Structure formats: C-alpha cells, structure tokens
N, C-alpha and C. Protein backbone atom coordinates (compact mmCIF):
# COMPACT_ATOMS: atom_id res chain seq x y z
N MET A 1 -61.72 81.29 -62.43
CA MET A 1 -61.50 81.25 -63.85
C MET A 1 -60.02 81.15 -64.12
N LYS A 2 -59.66 80.21 -64.96
CA LYS A 2 -58.28 80.02 -65.34
C LYS A 2 -58.01 80.74 -66.65
N LEU A 3 -56.90 81.45 -66.67
CA LEU A 3 -56.48 82.10 -67.89
C LEU A 3 -55.20 81.41 -68.32
N THR A 4 -55.25 80.74 -69.46
CA THR A 4 -54.10 79.99 -69.93
C THR A 4 -53.59 80.63 -71.22
N PHE A 5 -52.29 80.89 -71.21
CA PHE A 5 -51.66 81.45 -72.39
C PHE A 5 -50.30 80.80 -72.53
N LEU A 6 -50.05 80.19 -73.66
CA LEU A 6 -48.82 79.47 -73.92
C LEU A 6 -48.54 78.44 -72.83
N GLY A 7 -49.57 77.79 -72.37
CA GLY A 7 -49.44 76.71 -71.40
C GLY A 7 -49.20 77.16 -69.98
N ARG A 8 -49.37 78.44 -69.68
CA ARG A 8 -49.13 78.92 -68.32
C ARG A 8 -50.45 79.25 -67.65
N ASN A 9 -50.53 78.91 -66.41
CA ASN A 9 -51.72 79.17 -65.62
C ASN A 9 -51.51 80.50 -64.89
N TYR A 10 -52.13 81.57 -65.39
CA TYR A 10 -51.91 82.90 -64.83
C TYR A 10 -52.63 83.12 -63.51
N LYS A 11 -53.70 82.39 -63.26
CA LYS A 11 -54.37 82.53 -61.97
C LYS A 11 -53.45 82.04 -60.86
N MET A 12 -52.76 80.96 -61.10
CA MET A 12 -51.85 80.42 -60.10
C MET A 12 -50.70 81.40 -59.85
N ILE A 13 -50.18 82.01 -60.91
CA ILE A 13 -49.09 82.95 -60.76
C ILE A 13 -49.54 84.17 -59.96
N THR A 14 -50.72 84.70 -60.24
CA THR A 14 -51.19 85.86 -59.48
C THR A 14 -51.45 85.50 -58.03
N ASN A 15 -51.92 84.28 -57.76
CA ASN A 15 -52.12 83.85 -56.38
C ASN A 15 -50.78 83.77 -55.64
N LEU A 16 -49.76 83.27 -56.33
CA LEU A 16 -48.44 83.19 -55.70
C LEU A 16 -47.89 84.59 -55.42
N ARG A 17 -48.08 85.50 -56.36
CA ARG A 17 -47.63 86.88 -56.14
C ARG A 17 -48.39 87.52 -54.98
N ARG A 18 -49.68 87.30 -54.93
CA ARG A 18 -50.49 87.86 -53.85
C ARG A 18 -50.03 87.30 -52.51
N ARG A 19 -49.75 86.00 -52.47
CA ARG A 19 -49.30 85.37 -51.23
C ARG A 19 -47.94 85.93 -50.81
N ALA A 20 -47.06 86.15 -51.79
CA ALA A 20 -45.75 86.74 -51.49
C ALA A 20 -45.91 88.14 -50.93
N LEU A 21 -46.82 88.92 -51.48
CA LEU A 21 -47.06 90.27 -50.96
C LEU A 21 -47.61 90.24 -49.55
N VAL A 22 -48.49 89.30 -49.27
CA VAL A 22 -49.05 89.16 -47.93
C VAL A 22 -47.95 88.78 -46.96
N MET A 23 -47.07 87.86 -47.37
CA MET A 23 -45.99 87.45 -46.49
C MET A 23 -45.04 88.62 -46.22
N GLU A 24 -44.78 89.47 -47.22
CA GLU A 24 -43.90 90.60 -47.02
C GLU A 24 -44.51 91.62 -46.07
N LYS A 25 -45.81 91.83 -46.13
CA LYS A 25 -46.45 92.83 -45.29
C LYS A 25 -46.50 92.41 -43.82
N LYS A 26 -46.41 91.14 -43.55
CA LYS A 26 -46.56 90.65 -42.19
C LYS A 26 -45.21 90.23 -41.61
N ALA A 27 -44.26 91.12 -41.63
CA ALA A 27 -42.94 90.88 -41.05
C ALA A 27 -42.83 91.68 -39.76
N PRO A 28 -43.24 91.10 -38.64
CA PRO A 28 -43.28 91.85 -37.39
C PRO A 28 -41.90 92.26 -36.86
N GLY A 29 -40.85 91.61 -37.30
CA GLY A 29 -39.52 91.96 -36.83
C GLY A 29 -38.79 92.94 -37.73
N LYS A 30 -39.50 93.49 -38.69
CA LYS A 30 -38.89 94.37 -39.69
C LYS A 30 -38.14 95.54 -39.07
N GLY A 31 -38.78 96.23 -38.15
CA GLY A 31 -38.16 97.41 -37.54
C GLY A 31 -36.87 97.09 -36.80
N PHE A 32 -36.88 95.99 -36.05
CA PHE A 32 -35.69 95.59 -35.31
C PHE A 32 -34.56 95.23 -36.27
N LEU A 33 -34.87 94.40 -37.27
CA LEU A 33 -33.83 93.96 -38.19
C LEU A 33 -33.27 95.11 -39.00
N LYS A 34 -34.13 95.99 -39.45
CA LYS A 34 -33.66 97.10 -40.29
C LYS A 34 -32.86 98.11 -39.46
N GLY A 35 -33.40 98.53 -38.33
CA GLY A 35 -32.72 99.51 -37.49
C GLY A 35 -31.39 99.00 -36.96
N VAL A 36 -31.41 97.81 -36.39
CA VAL A 36 -30.19 97.23 -35.84
C VAL A 36 -29.23 96.89 -36.97
N GLY A 37 -29.76 96.44 -38.11
CA GLY A 37 -28.91 96.12 -39.25
C GLY A 37 -28.11 97.32 -39.72
N ILE A 38 -28.75 98.48 -39.77
CA ILE A 38 -28.04 99.70 -40.17
C ILE A 38 -26.94 100.02 -39.16
N LEU A 39 -27.25 99.90 -37.88
CA LEU A 39 -26.23 100.16 -36.85
C LEU A 39 -25.10 99.14 -36.92
N LEU A 40 -25.41 97.89 -37.26
CA LEU A 40 -24.36 96.87 -37.40
C LEU A 40 -23.46 97.15 -38.59
N ILE A 41 -24.04 97.64 -39.68
CA ILE A 41 -23.21 98.00 -40.84
C ILE A 41 -22.24 99.11 -40.45
N ILE A 42 -22.73 100.10 -39.72
CA ILE A 42 -21.86 101.18 -39.25
C ILE A 42 -20.79 100.62 -38.31
N GLY A 43 -21.18 99.73 -37.41
CA GLY A 43 -20.22 99.10 -36.50
C GLY A 43 -19.19 98.26 -37.24
N GLY A 44 -19.60 97.60 -38.31
CA GLY A 44 -18.66 96.82 -39.11
C GLY A 44 -17.63 97.69 -39.78
N VAL A 45 -18.07 98.84 -40.28
CA VAL A 45 -17.12 99.79 -40.89
C VAL A 45 -16.13 100.29 -39.83
N PHE A 46 -16.64 100.60 -38.64
CA PHE A 46 -15.75 101.03 -37.56
C PHE A 46 -14.81 99.91 -37.14
N GLY A 47 -15.25 98.66 -37.25
CA GLY A 47 -14.36 97.53 -36.96
C GLY A 47 -13.17 97.50 -37.90
N PHE A 48 -13.41 97.77 -39.17
CA PHE A 48 -12.32 97.81 -40.14
C PHE A 48 -11.42 99.02 -39.91
N ILE A 49 -12.00 100.14 -39.51
CA ILE A 49 -11.20 101.32 -39.18
C ILE A 49 -10.31 101.04 -37.97
N GLY A 50 -10.89 100.34 -36.98
CA GLY A 50 -10.10 99.95 -35.80
C GLY A 50 -8.96 99.01 -36.16
N ALA A 51 -9.22 98.10 -37.08
CA ALA A 51 -8.17 97.18 -37.52
C ALA A 51 -7.04 97.95 -38.20
N ALA A 52 -7.40 98.94 -39.01
CA ALA A 52 -6.38 99.74 -39.70
C ALA A 52 -5.54 100.54 -38.70
N SER A 53 -6.20 101.12 -37.69
CA SER A 53 -5.44 101.89 -36.70
C SER A 53 -4.56 100.98 -35.85
N ASN A 54 -5.06 99.79 -35.51
CA ASN A 54 -4.23 98.82 -34.78
C ASN A 54 -3.04 98.38 -35.61
N ALA A 55 -3.24 98.23 -36.91
CA ALA A 55 -2.14 97.83 -37.80
C ALA A 55 -1.06 98.92 -37.84
N PHE A 56 -1.51 100.17 -37.86
CA PHE A 56 -0.56 101.29 -37.86
C PHE A 56 0.28 101.29 -36.58
N VAL A 57 -0.39 101.16 -35.44
CA VAL A 57 0.33 101.19 -34.16
C VAL A 57 1.23 99.97 -34.01
N ALA A 58 0.75 98.79 -34.41
CA ALA A 58 1.57 97.58 -34.32
C ALA A 58 2.81 97.71 -35.18
N SER A 59 2.65 98.27 -36.37
CA SER A 59 3.80 98.48 -37.25
C SER A 59 4.79 99.46 -36.65
N ALA A 60 4.28 100.54 -36.08
CA ALA A 60 5.15 101.55 -35.47
C ALA A 60 5.88 100.99 -34.25
N LEU A 61 5.19 100.18 -33.45
CA LEU A 61 5.83 99.58 -32.27
C LEU A 61 6.88 98.56 -32.68
N SER A 62 6.59 97.78 -33.71
CA SER A 62 7.54 96.75 -34.16
C SER A 62 8.80 97.36 -34.76
N SER A 63 8.62 98.42 -35.52
CA SER A 63 9.77 99.03 -36.19
C SER A 63 10.54 99.98 -35.29
N GLY A 64 9.95 100.36 -34.17
CA GLY A 64 10.62 101.28 -33.25
C GLY A 64 10.58 102.71 -33.72
N SER A 65 9.63 103.05 -34.57
CA SER A 65 9.56 104.41 -35.11
C SER A 65 8.83 105.39 -34.19
N LEU A 66 8.24 104.89 -33.11
CA LEU A 66 7.59 105.79 -32.14
C LEU A 66 8.65 106.40 -31.23
N ASP A 67 8.38 107.59 -30.73
CA ASP A 67 9.34 108.20 -29.80
C ASP A 67 9.33 107.43 -28.49
N SER A 68 10.35 107.63 -27.70
CA SER A 68 10.53 106.84 -26.47
C SER A 68 9.43 107.09 -25.45
N ALA A 69 8.89 108.30 -25.38
CA ALA A 69 7.83 108.61 -24.41
C ALA A 69 6.55 107.83 -24.75
N THR A 70 6.20 107.79 -26.04
CA THR A 70 4.99 107.06 -26.46
C THR A 70 5.18 105.56 -26.23
N THR A 71 6.35 105.05 -26.57
CA THR A 71 6.65 103.63 -26.36
C THR A 71 6.57 103.29 -24.88
N ALA A 72 7.07 104.17 -24.01
CA ALA A 72 7.02 103.93 -22.57
C ALA A 72 5.58 103.89 -22.06
N ILE A 73 4.73 104.76 -22.61
CA ILE A 73 3.32 104.77 -22.20
C ILE A 73 2.66 103.45 -22.57
N TYR A 74 2.92 102.97 -23.80
CA TYR A 74 2.36 101.69 -24.23
C TYR A 74 2.88 100.55 -23.36
N GLU A 75 4.17 100.57 -23.02
CA GLU A 75 4.75 99.51 -22.19
C GLU A 75 4.16 99.52 -20.78
N GLN A 76 3.94 100.73 -20.22
CA GLN A 76 3.34 100.82 -18.89
C GLN A 76 1.92 100.25 -18.89
N ALA A 77 1.21 100.43 -19.97
CA ALA A 77 -0.17 99.92 -20.06
C ALA A 77 -0.18 98.44 -20.42
N GLY A 78 0.98 97.86 -20.69
CA GLY A 78 1.06 96.45 -21.03
C GLY A 78 0.68 96.17 -22.48
N LEU A 79 0.76 97.18 -23.31
CA LEU A 79 0.40 97.02 -24.72
C LEU A 79 1.65 96.81 -25.55
N THR A 80 1.67 95.71 -26.27
CA THR A 80 2.80 95.39 -27.14
C THR A 80 2.31 95.28 -28.58
N ALA A 81 3.24 95.08 -29.49
CA ALA A 81 2.86 94.91 -30.89
C ALA A 81 1.96 93.68 -31.04
N GLU A 82 2.21 92.64 -30.25
CA GLU A 82 1.39 91.43 -30.31
C GLU A 82 -0.05 91.71 -29.85
N THR A 83 -0.19 92.57 -28.85
CA THR A 83 -1.52 92.95 -28.38
C THR A 83 -2.30 93.64 -29.49
N PHE A 84 -1.62 94.53 -30.20
CA PHE A 84 -2.29 95.24 -31.29
C PHE A 84 -2.58 94.30 -32.45
N GLN A 85 -1.72 93.31 -32.67
CA GLN A 85 -1.99 92.33 -33.73
C GLN A 85 -3.21 91.50 -33.39
N ALA A 86 -3.38 91.14 -32.13
CA ALA A 86 -4.60 90.44 -31.71
C ALA A 86 -5.82 91.33 -31.90
N GLY A 87 -5.64 92.63 -31.64
CA GLY A 87 -6.72 93.59 -31.87
C GLY A 87 -7.09 93.69 -33.34
N ILE A 88 -6.10 93.56 -34.21
CA ILE A 88 -6.37 93.58 -35.65
C ILE A 88 -7.26 92.41 -36.03
N ILE A 89 -6.91 91.24 -35.55
CA ILE A 89 -7.68 90.03 -35.87
C ILE A 89 -9.11 90.15 -35.34
N THR A 90 -9.25 90.59 -34.10
CA THR A 90 -10.58 90.74 -33.51
C THR A 90 -11.40 91.79 -34.25
N SER A 91 -10.76 92.89 -34.62
CA SER A 91 -11.49 93.96 -35.32
C SER A 91 -11.94 93.53 -36.71
N VAL A 92 -11.10 92.77 -37.40
CA VAL A 92 -11.48 92.29 -38.73
C VAL A 92 -12.62 91.29 -38.62
N ILE A 93 -12.54 90.38 -37.66
CA ILE A 93 -13.63 89.41 -37.46
C ILE A 93 -14.92 90.13 -37.12
N GLN A 94 -14.84 91.11 -36.22
CA GLN A 94 -16.01 91.90 -35.87
C GLN A 94 -16.57 92.61 -37.09
N GLY A 95 -15.70 93.21 -37.87
CA GLY A 95 -16.14 93.93 -39.06
C GLY A 95 -16.88 93.02 -40.03
N VAL A 96 -16.34 91.84 -40.26
CA VAL A 96 -16.98 90.89 -41.19
C VAL A 96 -18.33 90.43 -40.66
N ILE A 97 -18.37 90.04 -39.39
CA ILE A 97 -19.61 89.54 -38.80
C ILE A 97 -20.68 90.63 -38.78
N TYR A 98 -20.30 91.81 -38.32
CA TYR A 98 -21.27 92.90 -38.24
C TYR A 98 -21.76 93.35 -39.61
N LEU A 99 -20.85 93.46 -40.57
CA LEU A 99 -21.27 93.86 -41.92
C LEU A 99 -22.20 92.81 -42.53
N ALA A 100 -21.82 91.54 -42.42
CA ALA A 100 -22.64 90.48 -43.01
C ALA A 100 -24.02 90.44 -42.36
N ALA A 101 -24.06 90.46 -41.03
CA ALA A 101 -25.35 90.41 -40.33
C ALA A 101 -26.17 91.66 -40.62
N GLY A 102 -25.53 92.81 -40.65
CA GLY A 102 -26.24 94.05 -40.93
C GLY A 102 -26.83 94.07 -42.32
N ILE A 103 -26.05 93.68 -43.30
CA ILE A 103 -26.54 93.67 -44.68
C ILE A 103 -27.66 92.66 -44.84
N LEU A 104 -27.49 91.46 -44.26
CA LEU A 104 -28.56 90.45 -44.35
C LEU A 104 -29.82 90.91 -43.61
N GLY A 105 -29.64 91.59 -42.49
CA GLY A 105 -30.80 92.07 -41.74
C GLY A 105 -31.57 93.13 -42.50
N VAL A 106 -30.86 94.08 -43.09
CA VAL A 106 -31.53 95.14 -43.86
C VAL A 106 -32.17 94.57 -45.12
N ALA A 107 -31.45 93.69 -45.80
CA ALA A 107 -31.96 93.13 -47.06
C ALA A 107 -33.15 92.20 -46.85
N ASN A 108 -33.19 91.52 -45.72
CA ASN A 108 -34.23 90.51 -45.50
C ASN A 108 -35.22 90.88 -44.40
N CYS A 109 -35.24 92.14 -43.96
CA CYS A 109 -36.11 92.53 -42.86
C CYS A 109 -37.58 92.35 -43.20
N ASN A 110 -37.92 92.45 -44.46
CA ASN A 110 -39.31 92.38 -44.89
C ASN A 110 -39.69 91.00 -45.42
N LYS A 111 -38.76 90.07 -45.43
CA LYS A 111 -38.98 88.76 -46.03
C LYS A 111 -38.98 87.69 -44.94
N ILE A 112 -40.16 87.29 -44.53
CA ILE A 112 -40.21 86.32 -43.44
C ILE A 112 -39.69 84.95 -43.87
N GLU A 113 -39.68 84.70 -45.18
CA GLU A 113 -39.15 83.42 -45.64
C GLU A 113 -37.62 83.35 -45.48
N LYS A 114 -36.97 84.47 -45.23
CA LYS A 114 -35.52 84.52 -44.99
C LYS A 114 -35.21 84.68 -43.50
N ALA A 115 -36.17 84.43 -42.66
CA ALA A 115 -36.00 84.65 -41.22
C ALA A 115 -34.94 83.74 -40.61
N ASN A 116 -34.80 82.53 -41.14
CA ASN A 116 -33.81 81.61 -40.57
C ASN A 116 -32.39 82.11 -40.74
N ILE A 117 -32.10 82.77 -41.86
CA ILE A 117 -30.77 83.33 -42.07
C ILE A 117 -30.49 84.40 -41.02
N CYS A 118 -31.45 85.28 -40.80
CA CYS A 118 -31.29 86.33 -39.79
C CYS A 118 -31.21 85.73 -38.38
N PHE A 119 -31.97 84.68 -38.14
CA PHE A 119 -31.94 83.98 -36.85
C PHE A 119 -30.53 83.45 -36.57
N ILE A 120 -29.92 82.83 -37.57
CA ILE A 120 -28.56 82.30 -37.42
C ILE A 120 -27.56 83.44 -37.21
N CYS A 121 -27.73 84.53 -37.96
CA CYS A 121 -26.86 85.69 -37.78
C CYS A 121 -26.98 86.24 -36.36
N GLY A 122 -28.19 86.26 -35.82
CA GLY A 122 -28.39 86.72 -34.45
C GLY A 122 -27.64 85.86 -33.44
N ILE A 123 -27.67 84.55 -33.66
CA ILE A 123 -26.94 83.63 -32.77
C ILE A 123 -25.44 83.87 -32.89
N VAL A 124 -24.95 84.07 -34.11
CA VAL A 124 -23.52 84.33 -34.32
C VAL A 124 -23.11 85.64 -33.65
N LEU A 125 -23.94 86.68 -33.74
CA LEU A 125 -23.64 87.95 -33.10
C LEU A 125 -23.54 87.80 -31.58
N ILE A 126 -24.51 87.11 -31.00
CA ILE A 126 -24.50 86.89 -29.55
C ILE A 126 -23.28 86.08 -29.14
N ALA A 127 -22.98 85.03 -29.89
CA ALA A 127 -21.82 84.18 -29.58
C ALA A 127 -20.52 84.98 -29.68
N PHE A 128 -20.42 85.85 -30.69
CA PHE A 128 -19.21 86.66 -30.85
C PHE A 128 -19.00 87.57 -29.63
N VAL A 129 -20.05 88.21 -29.18
CA VAL A 129 -19.93 89.10 -28.02
C VAL A 129 -19.55 88.29 -26.78
N LEU A 130 -20.15 87.13 -26.60
CA LEU A 130 -19.85 86.31 -25.41
C LEU A 130 -18.43 85.75 -25.45
N VAL A 131 -17.97 85.35 -26.63
CA VAL A 131 -16.59 84.86 -26.75
C VAL A 131 -15.60 85.99 -26.46
N ASN A 132 -15.87 87.18 -27.00
CA ASN A 132 -15.01 88.33 -26.69
C ASN A 132 -15.01 88.63 -25.20
N ALA A 133 -16.17 88.53 -24.58
CA ALA A 133 -16.26 88.77 -23.13
C ALA A 133 -15.46 87.72 -22.36
N GLY A 134 -15.53 86.48 -22.81
CA GLY A 134 -14.76 85.42 -22.16
C GLY A 134 -13.26 85.63 -22.29
N ILE A 135 -12.83 86.02 -23.48
CA ILE A 135 -11.40 86.29 -23.69
C ILE A 135 -10.96 87.47 -22.84
N SER A 136 -11.77 88.50 -22.80
CA SER A 136 -11.46 89.68 -21.99
C SER A 136 -11.39 89.32 -20.50
N ALA A 137 -12.33 88.52 -20.05
CA ALA A 137 -12.34 88.12 -18.64
C ALA A 137 -11.12 87.26 -18.31
N ALA A 138 -10.71 86.42 -19.25
CA ALA A 138 -9.55 85.56 -19.01
C ALA A 138 -8.26 86.36 -18.96
N THR A 139 -8.19 87.42 -19.74
CA THR A 139 -6.95 88.20 -19.78
C THR A 139 -6.90 89.32 -18.75
N THR A 140 -8.03 89.95 -18.48
CA THR A 140 -8.00 91.10 -17.56
C THR A 140 -8.83 90.90 -16.30
N GLY A 141 -9.67 89.88 -16.27
CA GLY A 141 -10.52 89.64 -15.11
C GLY A 141 -11.84 90.39 -15.20
N PHE A 142 -12.76 90.02 -14.32
CA PHE A 142 -14.07 90.67 -14.30
C PHE A 142 -14.05 91.86 -13.35
N THR A 143 -14.60 92.95 -13.81
CA THR A 143 -14.81 94.13 -12.97
C THR A 143 -16.24 94.59 -13.20
N ALA A 144 -16.68 95.53 -12.41
CA ALA A 144 -18.03 96.06 -12.60
C ALA A 144 -18.15 96.72 -13.97
N LEU A 145 -17.09 97.40 -14.39
CA LEU A 145 -17.10 98.05 -15.70
C LEU A 145 -17.16 97.03 -16.83
N SER A 146 -16.45 95.91 -16.68
CA SER A 146 -16.48 94.90 -17.75
C SER A 146 -17.86 94.25 -17.85
N ILE A 147 -18.53 94.07 -16.75
CA ILE A 147 -19.88 93.50 -16.77
C ILE A 147 -20.85 94.46 -17.45
N VAL A 148 -20.74 95.74 -17.14
CA VAL A 148 -21.58 96.75 -17.80
C VAL A 148 -21.27 96.78 -19.29
N SER A 149 -20.00 96.67 -19.64
CA SER A 149 -19.59 96.67 -21.04
C SER A 149 -20.15 95.46 -21.78
N ILE A 150 -20.14 94.31 -21.16
CA ILE A 150 -20.70 93.09 -21.77
C ILE A 150 -22.20 93.26 -22.00
N LEU A 151 -22.88 93.76 -20.99
CA LEU A 151 -24.33 93.96 -21.13
C LEU A 151 -24.65 94.97 -22.23
N ALA A 152 -23.87 96.05 -22.31
CA ALA A 152 -24.09 97.04 -23.37
C ALA A 152 -23.78 96.44 -24.74
N SER A 153 -22.76 95.59 -24.81
CA SER A 153 -22.39 94.97 -26.08
C SER A 153 -23.44 93.98 -26.56
N LEU A 154 -24.24 93.46 -25.65
CA LEU A 154 -25.28 92.48 -26.01
C LEU A 154 -26.58 93.13 -26.49
N ILE A 155 -26.73 94.43 -26.32
CA ILE A 155 -28.01 95.07 -26.65
C ILE A 155 -28.36 94.90 -28.12
N LEU A 156 -27.47 95.30 -29.03
CA LEU A 156 -27.78 95.20 -30.46
C LEU A 156 -27.95 93.75 -30.93
N PRO A 157 -27.05 92.82 -30.55
CA PRO A 157 -27.28 91.44 -30.98
C PRO A 157 -28.60 90.86 -30.47
N LEU A 158 -29.00 91.20 -29.26
CA LEU A 158 -30.26 90.68 -28.73
C LEU A 158 -31.46 91.30 -29.44
N LEU A 159 -31.40 92.58 -29.76
CA LEU A 159 -32.49 93.20 -30.52
C LEU A 159 -32.59 92.62 -31.92
N TYR A 160 -31.45 92.38 -32.55
CA TYR A 160 -31.41 91.76 -33.88
C TYR A 160 -32.03 90.36 -33.81
N PHE A 161 -31.60 89.60 -32.79
CA PHE A 161 -32.12 88.24 -32.60
C PHE A 161 -33.62 88.27 -32.36
N TRP A 162 -34.10 89.23 -31.60
CA TRP A 162 -35.52 89.33 -31.31
C TRP A 162 -36.31 89.60 -32.60
N GLY A 163 -35.81 90.51 -33.43
CA GLY A 163 -36.46 90.79 -34.71
C GLY A 163 -36.50 89.55 -35.59
N ALA A 164 -35.38 88.83 -35.64
CA ALA A 164 -35.32 87.60 -36.44
C ALA A 164 -36.28 86.55 -35.88
N LEU A 165 -36.36 86.49 -34.56
CA LEU A 165 -37.26 85.53 -33.92
C LEU A 165 -38.72 85.86 -34.23
N LYS A 166 -39.07 87.14 -34.23
CA LYS A 166 -40.44 87.54 -34.56
C LYS A 166 -40.77 87.19 -36.01
N ASN A 167 -39.84 87.44 -36.93
CA ASN A 167 -40.07 87.08 -38.33
C ASN A 167 -40.13 85.56 -38.52
N ARG A 168 -39.31 84.85 -37.76
CA ARG A 168 -39.31 83.39 -37.86
C ARG A 168 -40.65 82.82 -37.38
N GLN A 169 -41.17 83.39 -36.31
CA GLN A 169 -42.48 82.94 -35.82
C GLN A 169 -43.56 83.25 -36.84
N ALA A 170 -43.48 84.41 -37.49
CA ALA A 170 -44.45 84.78 -38.53
C ALA A 170 -44.35 83.82 -39.71
N MET A 171 -43.14 83.41 -40.05
CA MET A 171 -42.95 82.46 -41.13
C MET A 171 -43.57 81.11 -40.78
N GLN A 172 -43.35 80.67 -39.56
CA GLN A 172 -43.91 79.39 -39.12
C GLN A 172 -45.43 79.47 -39.08
N ASP A 173 -45.98 80.60 -38.64
CA ASP A 173 -47.43 80.77 -38.64
C ASP A 173 -48.00 80.76 -40.05
N ALA A 174 -47.29 81.41 -40.98
CA ALA A 174 -47.75 81.43 -42.38
C ALA A 174 -47.69 80.04 -43.00
N GLN A 175 -46.68 79.27 -42.64
CA GLN A 175 -46.57 77.91 -43.17
C GLN A 175 -47.64 76.99 -42.58
N ASN A 176 -48.00 77.25 -41.34
CA ASN A 176 -49.03 76.43 -40.70
C ASN A 176 -50.44 76.91 -41.04
N GLY A 177 -50.53 78.07 -41.66
CA GLY A 177 -51.82 78.60 -42.05
C GLY A 177 -52.54 79.37 -40.98
N THR A 178 -51.87 79.66 -39.87
CA THR A 178 -52.49 80.47 -38.83
C THR A 178 -52.23 81.93 -39.10
N SER A 179 -53.09 82.77 -38.62
CA SER A 179 -52.94 84.21 -38.87
C SER A 179 -51.97 84.80 -37.87
N LEU A 180 -51.47 85.96 -38.22
CA LEU A 180 -50.49 86.64 -37.35
C LEU A 180 -51.18 87.49 -36.33
C-alpha cells in the first residue's frame, strides 16, 4: 500500500530507512574500527605532544640554553637540533594521520557504506609505518629490536585495515544482494 502525501511516497522512504538500519546492523568490522580508532586518536594526541617536546629541545639546542653536560649527552648520542626538527615533522605527520584515521574509524565503524574511506585510511596507516621503518633502517640499520618495533608498530594499522576490509566486504555483499 502506497501512502502519498504532498507528492511523496512514504512507503519508499520507510523502505529506505529500514534498509539503512539493516546495513548499519551488519557491520562486522565495527569492533576493530571503533577500538583501534580510539587508540589511534590517543596516539595522534601523543604525536602532537611529541612534536611539542621535540620543538622545545630543538629550540634549546639551537639557542645554546642547555647546560654543557646535557648538550654533551645529546652530542654523544648523535642528536642535533636538526634531528629533533625531523622528529617534529614526523610527529606532526603521525598526529594528523592517526587523528584523521581514528576519527573516521570511530565515526564510520557502523556504516558499511563508508567502508572505502576506512579502507584507504588503513592503507595510509600501513604505508606510514613502513615508510618510517624504511627511513629508520636507512639511518640506523636493521637490528632485532628494530624488527620487533616494526612488527609492533604494524599491529594497530593491520587491525584497523582488517576491520575496514570486513565492512567493505559486507558493503559489497549488500550491494550484490547476498546475505552476510
């Protein structure tokens, strides 16, 4: 039965709403995207805190306001103002990527029609970790600890990607008319 009021077909609207509710309920990657998204938001905030601390140290090293003992420790470790400036850039990039992916993951964890956005964010997260690992390997070399660090750094991006992949598959199944 069609209910028409002011030229609108209300049966069609209720069917669309019902379909949207069904699509929201069948988001198998929801837990991964939401949980990892919250952790990425926290990591993004820490990325900005790291950038601020690197900026403080870089400024102090450049101006020479640190005492000679502290400056000597930094020099022995091979840390210069330029090293900290590179850390600022990396921390800000990490903060932006993690915050954006985390917010998109939490906001869209229940919406399988937004799975492609989360899928792309997952790829960007994985690429960021691998590029950082490559830069680290080029500057300091590979050690057993660096390999463990790379693997640990990949855990959250891979879980995020897996959640996005599960939602993307659910979206494709819903578009093809197959059940989940």
